Amino acid sequence: MRSRFDMQFAPPDIMITNYSMLSIMLMRNIDNGIFVEPKKWLEESEKNIFHLIIDELHLYRGKQGTEVAYWLKLVLNRLGLNPNHKQLRI
């Protein structure tokens, strides 16, 4: 995809971003589809699995670690998932 507008119109199967930008996307109505469409996809079949990859997670400590943990909780909540959900792989 060439632009953020493309992703807003048709959310990608794979999205690479950082936690700061994802935090902003969670707050903006224009980015709502990026979370709504995967949630619908997960609800279509129990065989659909959401993969969340967090590079260098072991480096997030202290205040930054708390922010990342809170961000993860918000993302999973938006997707209707929890850390032990059978459709989630981290």
PDB file of N, CA and C in Angstrom:
ATOM      1  N   MET A   1       0.840  -1.175   0.000  1.00  0.00           N
ATOM      2  CA  MET A   1       0.000   0.000   0.000  1.00  0.00           C
ATOM      3  C   MET A   1       0.884   1.237   0.000  1.00  0.00           C
ATOM      4  N   ARG A   2       0.439   2.222  -0.709  1.00  0.00           N
ATOM      5  CA  ARG A   2       1.276   3.412  -0.892  1.00  0.00           C
ATOM      6  C   ARG A   2       1.066   4.491   0.162  1.00  0.00           C
ATOM      7  N   SER A   3      -0.093   4.504   0.809  1.00  0.00           N
ATOM      8  CA  SER A   3      -0.344   5.592   1.755  1.00  0.00           C
ATOM      9  C   SER A   3      -1.236   5.134   2.899  1.00  0.00           C
ATOM     10  N   ARG A   4      -1.277   5.954   3.916  1.00  0.00           N
ATOM     11  CA  ARG A   4      -2.145   5.702   5.072  1.00  0.00           C
ATOM     12  C   ARG A   4      -3.604   5.664   4.624  1.00  0.00           C
ATOM     13  N   PHE A   5      -3.963   6.481   3.625  1.00  0.00           N
ATOM     14  CA  PHE A   5      -5.341   6.507   3.136  1.00  0.00           C
ATOM     15  C   PHE A   5      -5.740   5.152   2.558  1.00  0.00           C
ATOM     16  N   ASP A   6      -4.801   4.480   1.889  1.00  0.00           N
ATOM     17  CA  ASP A   6      -5.070   3.135   1.368  1.00  0.00           C
ATOM     18  C   ASP A   6      -5.390   2.180   2.515  1.00  0.00           C
ATOM     19  N   MET A   7      -4.633   2.265   3.594  1.00  0.00           N
ATOM     20  CA  MET A   7      -4.850   1.392   4.745  1.00  0.00           C
ATOM     21  C   MET A   7      -6.170   1.701   5.437  1.00  0.00           C
ATOM     22  N   GLN A   8      -6.556   2.967   5.476  1.00  0.00           N
ATOM     23  CA  GLN A   8      -7.818   3.336   6.096  1.00  0.00           C
ATOM     24  C   GLN A   8      -9.001   2.814   5.287  1.00  0.00           C
ATOM     25  N   PHE A   9      -8.863   2.791   3.968  1.00  0.00           N
ATOM     26  CA  PHE A   9      -9.926   2.319   3.081  1.00  0.00           C
ATOM     27  C   PHE A   9     -10.018   0.795   3.084  1.00  0.00           C
ATOM     28  N   ALA A  10      -8.881   0.126   3.054  1.00  0.00           N
ATOM     29  CA  ALA A  10      -8.831  -1.336   3.014  1.00  0.00           C
ATOM     30  C   ALA A  10      -7.678  -1.808   3.898  1.00  0.00           C
ATOM     31  N   PRO A  11      -7.949  -2.096   5.161  1.00  0.00           N
ATOM     32  CA  PRO A  11      -6.885  -2.483   6.087  1.00  0.00           C
ATOM     33  C   PRO A  11      -6.044  -3.651   5.554  1.00  0.00           C
ATOM     34  N   PRO A  12      -4.727  -3.558   5.701  1.00  0.00           N
ATOM     35  CA  PRO A  12      -3.830  -4.595   5.172  1.00  0.00           C
ATOM     36  C   PRO A  12      -3.850  -5.862   6.018  1.00  0.00           C
ATOM     37  N   ASP A  13      -3.434  -6.956   5.428  1.00  0.00           N
ATOM     38  CA  ASP A  13      -3.294  -8.208   6.173  1.00  0.00           C
ATOM     39  C   ASP A  13      -2.093  -8.147   7.110  1.00  0.00           C
ATOM     40  N   ILE A  14      -1.075  -7.411   6.709  1.00  0.00           N
ATOM     41  CA  ILE A  14       0.119  -7.237   7.535  1.00  0.00           C
ATOM     42  C   ILE A  14       0.405  -5.744   7.635  1.00  0.00           C
ATOM     43  N   MET A  15       0.554  -5.267   8.856  1.00  0.00           N
ATOM     44  CA  MET A  15       0.858  -3.857   9.050  1.00  0.00           C
ATOM     45  C   MET A  15       2.074  -3.760   9.956  1.00  0.00           C
ATOM     46  N   ILE A  16       3.028  -2.990   9.532  1.00  0.00           N
ATOM     47  CA  ILE A  16       4.227  -2.762  10.328  1.00  0.00           C
ATOM     48  C   ILE A  16       4.182  -1.313  10.805  1.00  0.00           C
ATOM     49  N   THR A  17       4.247  -1.132  12.110  1.00  0.00           N
ATOM     50  CA  THR A  17       4.200   0.204  12.682  1.00  0.00           C
ATOM     51  C   THR A  17       4.924   0.175  14.021  1.00  0.00           C
ATOM     52  N   ASN A  18       4.971   1.306  14.681  1.00  0.00           N
ATOM     53  CA  ASN A  18       5.544   1.340  16.024  1.00  0.00           C
ATOM     54  C   ASN A  18       4.423   1.622  17.022  1.00  0.00           C
ATOM     55  N   TYR A  19       4.712   1.425  18.301  1.00  0.00           N
ATOM     56  CA  TYR A  19       3.638   1.560  19.283  1.00  0.00           C
ATOM     57  C   TYR A  19       3.140   2.999  19.413  1.00  0.00           C
ATOM     58  N   SER A  20       3.978   3.972  19.121  1.00  0.00           N
ATOM     59  CA  SER A  20       3.533   5.372  19.185  1.00  0.00           C
ATOM     60  C   SER A  20       2.475   5.667  18.128  1.00  0.00           C
ATOM     61  N   MET A  21       2.725   5.226  16.901  1.00  0.00           N
ATOM     62  CA  MET A  21       1.767   5.468  15.824  1.00  0.00           C
ATOM     63  C   MET A  21       0.493   4.663  16.037  1.00  0.00           C
ATOM     64  N   LEU A  22       0.629   3.450  16.516  1.00  0.00           N
ATOM     65  CA  LEU A  22      -0.548   2.635  16.773  1.00  0.00           C
ATOM     66  C   LEU A  22      -1.405   3.264  17.866  1.00  0.00           C
ATOM     67  N   SER A  23      -0.756   3.862  18.840  1.00  0.00           N
ATOM     68  CA  SER A  23      -1.481   4.569  19.896  1.00  0.00           C
ATOM     69  C   SER A  23      -2.304   5.719  19.312  1.00  0.00           C
ATOM     70  N   ILE A  24      -1.709   6.444  18.391  1.00  0.00           N
ATOM     71  CA  ILE A  24      -2.437   7.547  17.729  1.00  0.00           C
ATOM     72  C   ILE A  24      -3.590   6.995  16.912  1.00  0.00           C
ATOM     73  N   MET A  25      -3.354   5.894  16.197  1.00  0.00           N
ATOM     74  CA  MET A  25      -4.407   5.295  15.375  1.00  0.00           C
ATOM     75  C   MET A  25      -5.593   4.847  16.223  1.00  0.00           C
ATOM     76  N   LEU A  26      -5.332   4.409  17.447  1.00  0.00           N
ATOM     77  CA  LEU A  26      -6.415   3.987  18.335  1.00  0.00           C
ATOM     78  C   LEU A  26      -7.336   5.145  18.709  1.00  0.00           C
ATOM     79  N   MET A  27      -6.821   6.369  18.626  1.00  0.00           N
ATOM     80  CA  MET A  27      -7.593   7.547  19.028  1.00  0.00           C
ATOM     81  C   MET A  27      -8.335   8.229  17.886  1.00  0.00           C
ATOM     82  N   ARG A  28      -7.968   7.935  16.642  1.00  0.00           N
ATOM     83  CA  ARG A  28      -8.538   8.662  15.511  1.00  0.00           C
ATOM     84  C   ARG A  28      -9.679   7.878  14.860  1.00  0.00           C
ATOM     85  N   ASN A  29     -10.807   8.541  14.683  1.00  0.00           N
ATOM     86  CA  ASN A  29     -11.965   7.906  14.039  1.00  0.00           C
ATOM     87  C   ASN A  29     -11.644   7.460  12.616  1.00  0.00           C
ATOM     88  N   ILE A  30     -10.824   8.212  11.921  1.00  0.00           N
ATOM     89  CA  ILE A  30     -10.521   7.886  10.524  1.00  0.00           C
ATOM     90  C   ILE A  30      -9.794   6.536  10.406  1.00  0.00           C
ATOM     91  N   ASP A  31      -9.114   6.111  11.453  1.00  0.00           N
ATOM     92  CA  ASP A  31      -8.386   4.843  11.448  1.00  0.00           C
ATOM     93  C   ASP A  31      -9.204   3.692  12.029  1.00  0.00           C
ATOM     94  N   ASN A  32     -10.458   3.921  12.323  1.00  0.00           N
ATOM     95  CA  ASN A  32     -11.300   2.919  12.972  1.00  0.00           C
ATOM     96  C   ASN A  32     -11.356   1.599  12.201  1.00  0.00           C
ATOM     97  N   GLY A  33     -11.404   1.659  10.873  1.00  0.00           N
ATOM     98  CA  GLY A  33     -11.490   0.459  10.053  1.00  0.00           C
ATOM     99  C   GLY A  33     -10.309  -0.478  10.223  1.00  0.00           C
ATOM    100  N   ILE A  34      -9.169   0.073  10.579  1.00  0.00           N
ATOM    101  CA  ILE A  34      -7.977  -0.745  10.775  1.00  0.00           C
ATOM    102  C   ILE A  34      -8.174  -1.726  11.932  1.00  0.00           C
ATOM    103  N   PHE A  35      -9.093  -1.417  12.824  1.00  0.00           N
ATOM    104  CA  PHE A  35      -9.398  -2.308  13.948  1.00  0.00           C
ATOM    105  C   PHE A  35     -10.728  -3.036  13.756  1.00  0.00           C
ATOM    106  N   VAL A  36     -11.686  -2.378  13.123  1.00  0.00           N
ATOM    107  CA  VAL A  36     -13.009  -2.986  12.925  1.00  0.00           C
ATOM    108  C   VAL A  36     -12.945  -4.162  11.959  1.00  0.00           C
ATOM    109  N   GLU A  37     -12.234  -4.011  10.852  1.00  0.00           N
ATOM    110  CA  GLU A  37     -12.185  -5.078   9.850  1.00  0.00           C
ATOM    111  C   GLU A  37     -11.516  -6.356  10.378  1.00  0.00           C
ATOM    112  N   PRO A  38     -10.379  -6.265  11.064  1.00  0.00           N
ATOM    113  CA  PRO A  38      -9.801  -7.493  11.634  1.00  0.00           C
ATOM    114  C   PRO A  38     -10.727  -8.139  12.673  1.00  0.00           C
ATOM    115  N   LYS A  39     -11.439  -7.313  13.445  1.00  0.00           N
ATOM    116  CA  LYS A  39     -12.369  -7.862  14.438  1.00  0.00           C
ATOM    117  C   LYS A  39     -13.479  -8.642  13.737  1.00  0.00           C
ATOM    118  N   LYS A  40     -14.024  -8.090  12.656  1.00  0.00           N
ATOM    119  CA  LYS A  40     -15.046  -8.805  11.878  1.00  0.00           C
ATOM    120  C   LYS A  40     -14.479 -10.118  11.335  1.00  0.00           C
ATOM    121  N   TRP A  41     -13.271 -10.062  10.818  1.00  0.00           N
ATOM    122  CA  TRP A  41     -12.614 -11.242  10.270  1.00  0.00           C
ATOM    123  C   TRP A  41     -12.455 -12.320  11.347  1.00  0.00           C
ATOM    124  N   LEU A  42     -12.061 -11.922  12.543  1.00  0.00           N
ATOM    125  CA  LEU A  42     -11.913 -12.880  13.637  1.00  0.00           C
ATOM    126  C   LEU A  42     -13.256 -13.501  14.021  1.00  0.00           C
ATOM    127  N   GLU A  43     -14.314 -12.714  13.936  1.00  0.00           N
ATOM    128  CA  GLU A  43     -15.642 -13.205  14.296  1.00  0.00           C
ATOM    129  C   GLU A  43     -16.216 -14.155  13.245  1.00  0.00           C
ATOM    130  N   GLU A  44     -15.708 -14.107  12.015  1.00  0.00           N
ATOM    131  CA  GLU A  44     -16.206 -14.961  10.935  1.00  0.00           C
ATOM    132  C   GLU A  44     -15.913 -16.437  11.179  1.00  0.00           C
ATOM    133  N   SER A  45     -14.787 -16.744  11.779  1.00  0.00           N
ATOM    134  CA  SER A  45     -14.403 -18.136  11.971  1.00  0.00           C
ATOM    135  C   SER A  45     -13.415 -18.252  13.127  1.00  0.00           C
ATOM    136  N   GLU A  46     -13.606 -19.287  13.923  1.00  0.00           N
ATOM    137  CA  GLU A  46     -12.660 -19.541  15.009  1.00  0.00           C
ATOM    138  C   GLU A  46     -11.298 -19.980  14.485  1.00  0.00           C
ATOM    139  N   LYS A  47     -11.242 -20.340  13.208  1.00  0.00           N
ATOM    140  CA  LYS A  47      -9.971 -20.743  12.603  1.00  0.00           C
ATOM    141  C   LYS A  47      -9.095 -19.548  12.236  1.00  0.00           C
ATOM    142  N   ASN A  48      -9.672 -18.355  12.194  1.00  0.00           N
ATOM    143  CA  ASN A  48      -8.908 -17.144  11.885  1.00  0.00           C
ATOM    144  C   ASN A  48      -8.082 -16.759  13.108  1.00  0.00           C
ATOM    145  N   ILE A  49      -6.799 -16.586  12.899  1.00  0.00           N
ATOM    146  CA  ILE A  49      -5.863 -16.286  13.990  1.00  0.00           C
ATOM    147  C   ILE A  49      -5.212 -14.923  13.746  1.00  0.00           C
ATOM    148  N   PHE A  50      -5.199 -14.092  14.780  1.00  0.00           N
ATOM    149  CA  PHE A  50      -4.542 -12.793  14.718  1.00  0.00           C
ATOM    150  C   PHE A  50      -3.136 -12.954  15.297  1.00  0.00           C
ATOM    151  N   HIS A  51      -2.143 -12.557  14.525  1.00  0.00           N
ATOM    152  CA  HIS A  51      -0.747 -12.630  14.966  1.00  0.00           C
ATOM    153  C   HIS A  51      -0.255 -11.232  15.308  1.00  0.00           C
ATOM    154  N   LEU A  52       0.269 -11.073  16.486  1.00  0.00           N
ATOM    155  CA  LEU A  52       0.821  -9.798  16.940  1.00  0.00           C
ATOM    156  C   LEU A  52       2.305 -10.005  17.203  1.00  0.00           C
ATOM    157  N   ILE A  53       3.123  -9.273  16.476  1.00  0.00           N
ATOM    158  CA  ILE A  53       4.572  -9.400  16.602  1.00  0.00           C
ATOM    159  C   ILE A  53       5.118  -8.090  17.155  1.00  0.00           C
ATOM    160  N   ILE A  54       5.833  -8.184  18.250  1.00  0.00           N
ATOM    161  CA  ILE A  54       6.404  -6.992  18.888  1.00  0.00           C
ATOM    162  C   ILE A  54       7.909  -7.187  18.964  1.00  0.00           C
ATOM    163  N   ASP A  55       8.610  -6.476  18.112  1.00  0.00           N
ATOM    164  CA  ASP A  55      10.062  -6.587  18.061  1.00  0.00           C
ATOM    165  C   ASP A  55      10.688  -5.905  19.266  1.00  0.00           C
ATOM    166  N   GLU A  56      11.694  -6.540  19.821  1.00  0.00           N
ATOM    167  CA  GLU A  56      12.480  -5.984  20.935  1.00  0.00           C
ATOM    168  C   GLU A  56      11.640  -5.690  22.177  1.00  0.00           C
ATOM    169  N   LEU A  57      10.627  -6.493  22.423  1.00  0.00           N
ATOM    170  CA  LEU A  57       9.753  -6.287  23.582  1.00  0.00           C
ATOM    171  C   LEU A  57      10.541  -6.281  24.893  1.00  0.00           C
ATOM    172  N   HIS A  58      11.586  -7.062  24.953  1.00  0.00           N
ATOM    173  CA  HIS A  58      12.372  -7.149  26.182  1.00  0.00           C
ATOM    174  C   HIS A  58      13.059  -5.828  26.544  1.00  0.00           C
ATOM    175  N   LEU A  59      13.118  -4.897  25.617  1.00  0.00           N
ATOM    176  CA  LEU A  59      13.773  -3.610  25.882  1.00  0.00           C
ATOM    177  C   LEU A  59      12.860  -2.600  26.572  1.00  0.00           C
ATOM    178  N   TYR A  60      11.550  -2.838  26.539  1.00  0.00           N
ATOM    179  CA  TYR A  60      10.611  -1.871  27.110  1.00  0.00           C
ATOM    180  C   TYR A  60      10.499  -2.090  28.621  1.00  0.00           C
ATOM    181  N   ARG A  61      11.046  -1.147  29.366  1.00  0.00           N
ATOM    182  CA  ARG A  61      11.040  -1.228  30.826  1.00  0.00           C
ATOM    183  C   ARG A  61      10.568   0.106  31.401  1.00  0.00           C
ATOM    184  N   GLY A  62      10.243   0.105  32.670  1.00  0.00           N
ATOM    185  CA  GLY A  62       9.859   1.335  33.341  1.00  0.00           C
ATOM    186  C   GLY A  62       8.638   1.986  32.713  1.00  0.00           C
ATOM    187  N   LYS A  63       8.709   3.308  32.563  1.00  0.00           N
ATOM    188  CA  LYS A  63       7.588   4.069  32.012  1.00  0.00           C
ATOM    189  C   LYS A  63       7.227   3.590  30.603  1.00  0.00           C
ATOM    190  N   GLN A  64       8.234   3.381  29.772  1.00  0.00           N
ATOM    191  CA  GLN A  64       7.975   2.929  28.407  1.00  0.00           C
ATOM    192  C   GLN A  64       7.340   1.540  28.416  1.00  0.00           C
ATOM    193  N   GLY A  65       7.767   0.665  29.286  1.00  0.00           N
ATOM    194  CA  GLY A  65       7.168  -0.662  29.397  1.00  0.00           C
ATOM    195  C   GLY A  65       5.717  -0.590  29.816  1.00  0.00           C
ATOM    196  N   THR A  66       5.400   0.318  30.731  1.00  0.00           N
ATOM    197  CA  THR A  66       4.018   0.512  31.166  1.00  0.00           C
ATOM    198  C   THR A  66       3.164   1.017  30.012  1.00  0.00           C
ATOM    199  N   GLU A  67       3.700   1.945  29.233  1.00  0.00           N
ATOM    200  CA  GLU A  67       2.970   2.470  28.075  1.00  0.00           C
ATOM    201  C   GLU A  67       2.699   1.387  27.045  1.00  0.00           C
ATOM    202  N   VAL A  68       3.687   0.562  26.769  1.00  0.00           N
ATOM    203  CA  VAL A  68       3.522  -0.516  25.792  1.00  0.00           C
ATOM    204  C   VAL A  68       2.500  -1.535  26.307  1.00  0.00           C
ATOM    205  N   ALA A  69       2.544  -1.867  27.591  1.00  0.00           N
ATOM    206  CA  ALA A  69       1.576  -2.800  28.168  1.00  0.00           C
ATOM    207  C   ALA A  69       0.156  -2.246  28.043  1.00  0.00           C
ATOM    208  N   TYR A  70      -0.002  -0.962  28.321  1.00  0.00           N
ATOM    209  CA  TYR A  70      -1.319  -0.331  28.202  1.00  0.00           C
ATOM    210  C   TYR A  70      -1.769  -0.318  26.744  1.00  0.00           C
ATOM    211  N   TRP A  71      -0.854  -0.017  25.825  1.00  0.00           N
ATOM    212  CA  TRP A  71      -1.161  -0.024  24.399  1.00  0.00           C
ATOM    213  C   TRP A  71      -1.638  -1.408  23.967  1.00  0.00           C
ATOM    214  N   LEU A  72      -0.938  -2.443  24.407  1.00  0.00           N
ATOM    215  CA  LEU A  72      -1.330  -3.817  24.055  1.00  0.00           C
ATOM    216  C   LEU A  72      -2.739  -4.132  24.555  1.00  0.00           C
ATOM    217  N   LYS A  73      -3.024  -3.710  25.753  1.00  0.00           N
ATOM    218  CA  LYS A  73      -4.358  -3.940  26.326  1.00  0.00           C
ATOM    219  C   LYS A  73      -5.430  -3.245  25.488  1.00  0.00           C
ATOM    220  N   LEU A  74      -5.168  -2.025  25.056  1.00  0.00           N
ATOM    221  CA  LEU A  74      -6.126  -1.283  24.233  1.00  0.00           C
ATOM    222  C   LEU A  74      -6.338  -1.943  22.867  1.00  0.00           C
ATOM    223  N   VAL A  75      -5.257  -2.368  22.234  1.00  0.00           N
ATOM    224  CA  VAL A  75      -5.356  -3.018  20.925  1.00  0.00           C
ATOM    225  C   VAL A  75      -6.165  -4.303  21.030  1.00  0.00           C
ATOM    226  N   LEU A  76      -5.826  -5.135  22.001  1.00  0.00           N
ATOM    227  CA  LEU A  76      -6.548  -6.397  22.166  1.00  0.00           C
ATOM    228  C   LEU A  76      -8.020  -6.159  22.477  1.00  0.00           C
ATOM    229  N   ASN A  77      -8.296  -5.163  23.299  1.00  0.00           N
ATOM    230  CA  ASN A  77      -9.681  -4.828  23.625  1.00  0.00           C
ATOM    231  C   ASN A  77     -10.460  -4.412  22.375  1.00  0.00           C
ATOM    232  N   ARG A  78      -9.849  -3.582  21.536  1.00  0.00           N
ATOM    233  CA  ARG A  78     -10.503  -3.147  20.294  1.00  0.00           C
ATOM    234  C   ARG A  78     -10.805  -4.306  19.361  1.00  0.00           C
ATOM    235  N   LEU A  79      -9.962  -5.333  19.410  1.00  0.00           N
ATOM    236  CA  LEU A  79     -10.134  -6.500  18.551  1.00  0.00           C
ATOM    237  C   LEU A  79     -11.012  -7.582  19.188  1.00  0.00           C
ATOM    238  N   GLY A  80     -11.448  -7.347  20.422  1.00  0.00           N
ATOM    239  CA  GLY A  80     -12.273  -8.333  21.109  1.00  0.00           C
ATOM    240  C   GLY A  80     -11.482  -9.540  21.582  1.00  0.00           C
ATOM    241  N   LEU A  81     -10.208  -9.335  21.842  1.00  0.00           N
ATOM    242  CA  LEU A  81      -9.315 -10.421  22.262  1.00  0.00           C
ATOM    243  C   LEU A  81      -8.815 -10.175  23.678  1.00  0.00           C
ATOM    244  N   ASN A  82      -8.242 -11.206  24.268  1.00  0.00           N
ATOM    245  CA  ASN A  82      -7.546 -11.085  25.543  1.00  0.00           C
ATOM    246  C   ASN A  82      -6.263 -11.898  25.431  1.00  0.00           C
ATOM    247  N   PRO A  83      -5.325 -11.724  26.359  1.00  0.00           N
ATOM    248  CA  PRO A  83      -4.032 -12.400  26.228  1.00  0.00           C
ATOM    249  C   PRO A  83      -4.116 -13.921  26.096  1.00  0.00           C
ATOM    250  N   ASN A  84      -5.158 -14.537  26.608  1.00  0.00           N
ATOM    251  CA  ASN A  84      -5.297 -15.998  26.550  1.00  0.00           C
ATOM    252  C   ASN A  84      -6.257 -16.463  25.471  1.00  0.00           C
ATOM    253  N   HIS A  85      -6.685 -15.557  24.610  1.00  0.00           N
ATOM    254  CA  HIS A  85      -7.668 -15.888  23.571  1.00  0.00           C
ATOM    255  C   HIS A  85      -7.096 -16.906  22.593  1.00  0.00           C
ATOM    256  N   LYS A  86      -7.927 -17.875  22.183  1.00  0.00           N
ATOM    257  CA  LYS A  86      -7.441 -18.938  21.286  1.00  0.00           C
ATOM    258  C   LYS A  86      -7.185 -18.441  19.868  1.00  0.00           C
ATOM    259  N   GLN A  87      -7.650 -17.236  19.529  1.00  0.00           N
ATOM    260  CA  GLN A  87      -7.404 -16.687  18.192  1.00  0.00           C
ATOM    261  C   GLN A  87      -6.252 -15.692  18.189  1.00  0.00           C
ATOM    262  N   LEU A  88      -5.480 -15.653  19.228  1.00  0.00           N
ATOM    263  CA  LEU A  88      -4.366 -14.703  19.342  1.00  0.00           C
ATOM    264  C   LEU A  88      -3.050 -15.443  19.486  1.00  0.00           C
ATOM    265  N   ARG A  89      -2.086 -15.020  18.682  1.00  0.00           N
ATOM    266  CA  ARG A  89      -0.709 -15.510  18.791  1.00  0.00           C
ATOM    267  C   ARG A  89       0.193 -14.297  18.916  1.00  0.00           C
ATOM    268  N   ILE A  90       0.966 -14.269  19.986  1.00  0.00           N
ATOM    269  CA  ILE A  90       1.888 -13.153  20.192  1.00  0.00           C
ATOM    270  C   ILE A  90       3.309 -13.675  20.066  1.00  0.00           C
TER     271      ILE A  90
END
